[in-house]
Structure formats: C-alpha cells, structure tokens
Amino acid sequence: MKTITLRNIPKELVRILRRKAREEGMSYSKLALKLLEQGAGLQKPKKPRAAYHDLDALAGTWSRSESAQFEKALRELRKIDSELWSK
C-alpha cells in the first residue's frame, strides 16, 4: 500500500476532519482514506439512519373532548386484576 503526503491543508478543513473522525470513532488517517475513496467513487457513502417522526402530525390534534374519551377508554385497561396477581 502506498503512502502519500498532503501539504497546505487549510486549518478549517483539518478541524472539521478531526471532529468528524472523533464523531465516527475512527482515526484521522482512516477517515481521510474513507473520504478519498468516496470522492473517487470507490466507496458509496453510507446513508445516515433516518429519524422517524411518523406521529408528529398527530401531536396536539385532538380536541379536549376527544382526549377525554381516549383517557376514559384507557381507564379500563389500566385496572389491575388482583386475582391474577394473588398467590
């Protein structure tokens, strides 16, 4: 495997690369190699894990009446059957 030396790397780029290497838990050298491979098209960048917010559209959309009906329906489900838990 060959070794190359890069000169005149801007300070801002070095700072960003070091931070990214720390975040990804890899060495500075491994990160640089990974980014070079991606840039050359030898390795596709991994897609970041999606953060799902599927229920966000529902948050806060119930009226007080609808919320009260839902709570009333849940009340029965929250009851503890003491016969099931007795010895």
N, C-alpha and C. Protein backbone atom coordinates (compact mmCIF):
# COMPACT_ATOMS: atom_id res chain seq x y z
N MET A 1 0.85 -1.17 0.00
CA MET A 1 0.00 0.00 0.00
C MET A 1 0.89 1.24 0.00
N LYS A 2 0.54 2.21 -0.80
CA LYS A 2 1.32 3.44 -0.93
C LYS A 2 0.99 4.43 0.17
N THR A 3 1.92 5.32 0.41
CA THR A 3 1.73 6.41 1.36
C THR A 3 1.84 7.72 0.60
N ILE A 4 0.94 8.66 0.91
CA ILE A 4 1.04 9.98 0.30
C ILE A 4 1.08 11.03 1.40
N THR A 5 1.64 12.17 1.06
CA THR A 5 1.70 13.29 1.99
C THR A 5 0.93 14.45 1.38
N LEU A 6 0.05 15.03 2.16
CA LEU A 6 -0.70 16.19 1.69
C LEU A 6 -0.14 17.42 2.39
N ARG A 7 0.06 18.46 1.63
CA ARG A 7 0.59 19.70 2.19
C ARG A 7 -0.43 20.82 2.04
N ASN A 8 -0.25 21.83 2.88
CA ASN A 8 -1.08 23.05 2.81
C ASN A 8 -2.57 22.78 2.97
N ILE A 9 -2.91 21.90 3.89
CA ILE A 9 -4.32 21.64 4.19
C ILE A 9 -4.84 22.80 5.02
N PRO A 10 -5.91 23.44 4.60
CA PRO A 10 -6.45 24.58 5.35
C PRO A 10 -6.82 24.17 6.79
N LYS A 11 -6.55 25.08 7.73
CA LYS A 11 -6.80 24.80 9.15
C LYS A 11 -8.25 24.42 9.40
N GLU A 12 -9.17 25.09 8.74
CA GLU A 12 -10.60 24.80 8.93
C GLU A 12 -10.92 23.37 8.51
N LEU A 13 -10.33 22.92 7.40
CA LEU A 13 -10.56 21.56 6.93
C LEU A 13 -9.99 20.55 7.93
N VAL A 14 -8.83 20.82 8.47
CA VAL A 14 -8.22 19.93 9.47
C VAL A 14 -9.12 19.83 10.69
N ARG A 15 -9.63 20.97 11.13
CA ARG A 15 -10.52 21.00 12.31
C ARG A 15 -11.77 20.15 12.06
N ILE A 16 -12.36 20.30 10.89
CA ILE A 16 -13.58 19.56 10.55
C ILE A 16 -13.29 18.06 10.46
N LEU A 17 -12.18 17.71 9.83
CA LEU A 17 -11.82 16.29 9.69
C LEU A 17 -11.57 15.64 11.05
N ARG A 18 -10.89 16.34 11.93
CA ARG A 18 -10.62 15.79 13.27
C ARG A 18 -11.91 15.60 14.05
N ARG A 19 -12.80 16.57 13.96
CA ARG A 19 -14.09 16.46 14.66
C ARG A 19 -14.89 15.29 14.12
N LYS A 20 -14.93 15.16 12.79
CA LYS A 20 -15.68 14.07 12.15
C LYS A 20 -15.08 12.71 12.51
N ALA A 21 -13.77 12.62 12.55
CA ALA A 21 -13.11 11.36 12.94
C ALA A 21 -13.49 10.99 14.37
N ARG A 22 -13.50 11.98 15.25
CA ARG A 22 -13.87 11.74 16.65
C ARG A 22 -15.32 11.26 16.73
N GLU A 23 -16.22 11.92 15.99
CA GLU A 23 -17.64 11.56 16.00
C GLU A 23 -17.87 10.15 15.48
N GLU A 24 -17.09 9.73 14.47
CA GLU A 24 -17.28 8.42 13.87
C GLU A 24 -16.45 7.34 14.57
N GLY A 25 -15.65 7.75 15.55
CA GLY A 25 -14.86 6.78 16.32
C GLY A 25 -13.79 6.09 15.49
N MET A 26 -13.18 6.84 14.60
CA MET A 26 -12.09 6.27 13.79
C MET A 26 -10.90 7.21 13.79
N SER A 27 -9.78 6.68 13.37
CA SER A 27 -8.58 7.51 13.35
C SER A 27 -8.69 8.56 12.25
N TYR A 28 -7.90 9.59 12.41
CA TYR A 28 -7.84 10.67 11.43
C TYR A 28 -7.44 10.12 10.06
N SER A 29 -6.48 9.21 10.06
CA SER A 29 -5.98 8.61 8.83
C SER A 29 -7.06 7.77 8.14
N LYS A 30 -7.77 6.95 8.92
CA LYS A 30 -8.82 6.10 8.34
C LYS A 30 -9.95 6.95 7.75
N LEU A 31 -10.29 8.01 8.44
CA LEU A 31 -11.34 8.89 7.92
C LEU A 31 -10.90 9.53 6.61
N ALA A 32 -9.67 10.02 6.57
CA ALA A 32 -9.17 10.65 5.34
C ALA A 32 -9.19 9.65 4.18
N LEU A 33 -8.78 8.43 4.44
CA LEU A 33 -8.79 7.39 3.41
C LEU A 33 -10.21 7.09 2.95
N LYS A 34 -11.13 6.99 3.89
CA LYS A 34 -12.54 6.73 3.57
C LYS A 34 -13.11 7.85 2.69
N LEU A 35 -12.83 9.09 3.05
CA LEU A 35 -13.34 10.23 2.28
C LEU A 35 -12.71 10.29 0.88
N LEU A 36 -11.44 9.95 0.77
CA LEU A 36 -10.79 9.90 -0.54
C LEU A 36 -11.43 8.82 -1.42
N GLU A 37 -11.69 7.65 -0.84
CA GLU A 37 -12.32 6.56 -1.59
C GLU A 37 -13.72 6.96 -2.05
N GLN A 38 -14.48 7.62 -1.17
CA GLN A 38 -15.81 8.08 -1.54
C GLN A 38 -15.72 9.10 -2.66
N GLY A 39 -14.79 10.03 -2.54
CA GLY A 39 -14.63 11.07 -3.56
C GLY A 39 -14.22 10.51 -4.91
N ALA A 40 -13.47 9.41 -4.90
CA ALA A 40 -13.03 8.78 -6.14
C ALA A 40 -14.08 7.83 -6.69
N GLY A 41 -15.17 7.64 -5.96
CA GLY A 41 -16.23 6.75 -6.41
C GLY A 41 -15.97 5.29 -6.13
N LEU A 42 -14.99 4.99 -5.30
CA LEU A 42 -14.69 3.60 -4.97
C LEU A 42 -15.57 3.07 -3.83
N GLN A 43 -16.16 3.96 -3.09
CA GLN A 43 -16.99 3.58 -1.94
C GLN A 43 -18.17 4.55 -1.87
N LYS A 44 -19.35 4.00 -1.80
CA LYS A 44 -20.52 4.86 -1.69
C LYS A 44 -20.68 5.28 -0.23
N PRO A 45 -21.01 6.55 -0.01
CA PRO A 45 -21.23 6.98 1.38
C PRO A 45 -22.44 6.27 1.97
N LYS A 46 -22.34 5.89 3.22
CA LYS A 46 -23.47 5.25 3.88
C LYS A 46 -24.54 6.29 4.17
N LYS A 47 -25.76 5.87 3.95
CA LYS A 47 -26.87 6.76 4.24
C LYS A 47 -27.04 6.85 5.76
N PRO A 48 -27.22 8.06 6.26
CA PRO A 48 -27.45 8.17 7.70
C PRO A 48 -28.77 7.52 8.07
N ARG A 49 -28.83 7.00 9.30
CA ARG A 49 -30.07 6.39 9.76
C ARG A 49 -31.15 7.45 9.83
N ALA A 50 -32.28 7.10 9.30
CA ALA A 50 -33.39 8.04 9.27
C ALA A 50 -33.99 8.19 10.67
N ALA A 51 -34.35 9.40 10.99
CA ALA A 51 -35.06 9.67 12.24
C ALA A 51 -36.53 9.78 11.89
N TYR A 52 -37.30 8.86 12.39
CA TYR A 52 -38.72 8.85 12.04
C TYR A 52 -39.52 9.67 13.04
N HIS A 53 -40.43 10.39 12.52
CA HIS A 53 -41.33 11.21 13.31
C HIS A 53 -42.75 10.99 12.78
N ASP A 54 -43.11 9.72 12.62
CA ASP A 54 -44.38 9.38 11.99
C ASP A 54 -45.60 9.93 12.70
N LEU A 55 -45.53 10.10 14.01
CA LEU A 55 -46.70 10.53 14.74
C LEU A 55 -46.72 12.04 15.02
N ASP A 56 -45.71 12.74 14.54
CA ASP A 56 -45.64 14.18 14.78
C ASP A 56 -46.88 14.92 14.28
N ALA A 57 -47.42 14.47 13.15
CA ALA A 57 -48.58 15.15 12.57
C ALA A 57 -49.81 15.02 13.47
N LEU A 58 -49.82 14.01 14.33
CA LEU A 58 -50.97 13.80 15.20
C LEU A 58 -50.86 14.56 16.52
N ALA A 59 -49.66 14.92 16.90
CA ALA A 59 -49.45 15.56 18.20
C ALA A 59 -50.24 16.86 18.30
N GLY A 60 -51.04 16.95 19.34
CA GLY A 60 -51.79 18.17 19.59
C GLY A 60 -53.01 18.36 18.71
N THR A 61 -53.44 17.31 18.01
CA THR A 61 -54.57 17.48 17.09
C THR A 61 -55.90 17.09 17.69
N TRP A 62 -55.89 16.41 18.85
CA TRP A 62 -57.15 16.02 19.47
C TRP A 62 -57.77 17.20 20.21
N SER A 63 -59.07 17.24 20.18
CA SER A 63 -59.78 18.24 20.98
C SER A 63 -59.79 17.75 22.43
N ARG A 64 -60.18 18.60 23.36
CA ARG A 64 -60.27 18.19 24.77
C ARG A 64 -61.26 17.04 24.92
N SER A 65 -62.34 17.10 24.17
CA SER A 65 -63.36 16.06 24.24
C SER A 65 -62.81 14.72 23.76
N GLU A 66 -62.10 14.75 22.63
CA GLU A 66 -61.51 13.51 22.10
C GLU A 66 -60.47 12.95 23.06
N SER A 67 -59.68 13.82 23.64
CA SER A 67 -58.67 13.38 24.60
C SER A 67 -59.32 12.74 25.82
N ALA A 68 -60.41 13.34 26.31
CA ALA A 68 -61.13 12.80 27.47
C ALA A 68 -61.73 11.44 27.15
N GLN A 69 -62.26 11.28 25.95
CA GLN A 69 -62.83 9.98 25.55
C GLN A 69 -61.73 8.91 25.49
N PHE A 70 -60.58 9.28 24.98
CA PHE A 70 -59.47 8.34 24.91
C PHE A 70 -59.01 7.93 26.30
N GLU A 71 -58.86 8.89 27.19
CA GLU A 71 -58.46 8.60 28.56
C GLU A 71 -59.48 7.70 29.25
N LYS A 72 -60.76 7.94 28.99
CA LYS A 72 -61.83 7.13 29.58
C LYS A 72 -61.71 5.68 29.09
N ALA A 73 -61.44 5.51 27.80
CA ALA A 73 -61.30 4.17 27.23
C ALA A 73 -60.08 3.45 27.82
N LEU A 74 -59.03 4.19 28.12
CA LEU A 74 -57.83 3.58 28.68
C LEU A 74 -57.98 3.21 30.15
N ARG A 75 -58.85 3.88 30.85
CA ARG A 75 -59.04 3.64 32.27
C ARG A 75 -59.29 2.16 32.56
N GLU A 76 -60.12 1.54 31.76
CA GLU A 76 -60.44 0.12 31.95
C GLU A 76 -59.21 -0.75 31.73
N LEU A 77 -58.38 -0.38 30.79
CA LEU A 77 -57.17 -1.16 30.50
C LEU A 77 -56.12 -1.01 31.60
N ARG A 78 -56.18 0.04 32.35
CA ARG A 78 -55.17 0.30 33.38
C ARG A 78 -55.50 -0.37 34.72
N LYS A 79 -56.67 -0.96 34.81
CA LYS A 79 -57.06 -1.62 36.05
C LYS A 79 -56.23 -2.90 36.24
N ILE A 80 -55.86 -3.15 37.48
CA ILE A 80 -55.09 -4.35 37.80
C ILE A 80 -56.05 -5.39 38.37
N ASP A 81 -56.03 -6.55 37.77
CA ASP A 81 -56.86 -7.65 38.24
C ASP A 81 -56.13 -8.33 39.39
N SER A 82 -56.60 -8.08 40.62
CA SER A 82 -55.90 -8.62 41.79
C SER A 82 -55.90 -10.13 41.84
N GLU A 83 -56.89 -10.78 41.24
CA GLU A 83 -56.93 -12.26 41.22
C GLU A 83 -55.75 -12.83 40.43
N LEU A 84 -55.35 -12.12 39.40
CA LEU A 84 -54.22 -12.61 38.60
C LEU A 84 -52.89 -12.47 39.34
N TRP A 85 -52.83 -11.58 40.31
CA TRP A 85 -51.57 -11.32 41.00
C TRP A 85 -51.54 -11.88 42.42
N SER A 86 -52.59 -12.57 42.81
CA SER A 86 -52.57 -13.15 44.16
C SER A 86 -51.89 -14.52 44.11
N LYS A 87 -51.36 -14.91 45.24
CA LYS A 87 -50.62 -16.19 45.31
C LYS A 87 -51.53 -17.36 45.49
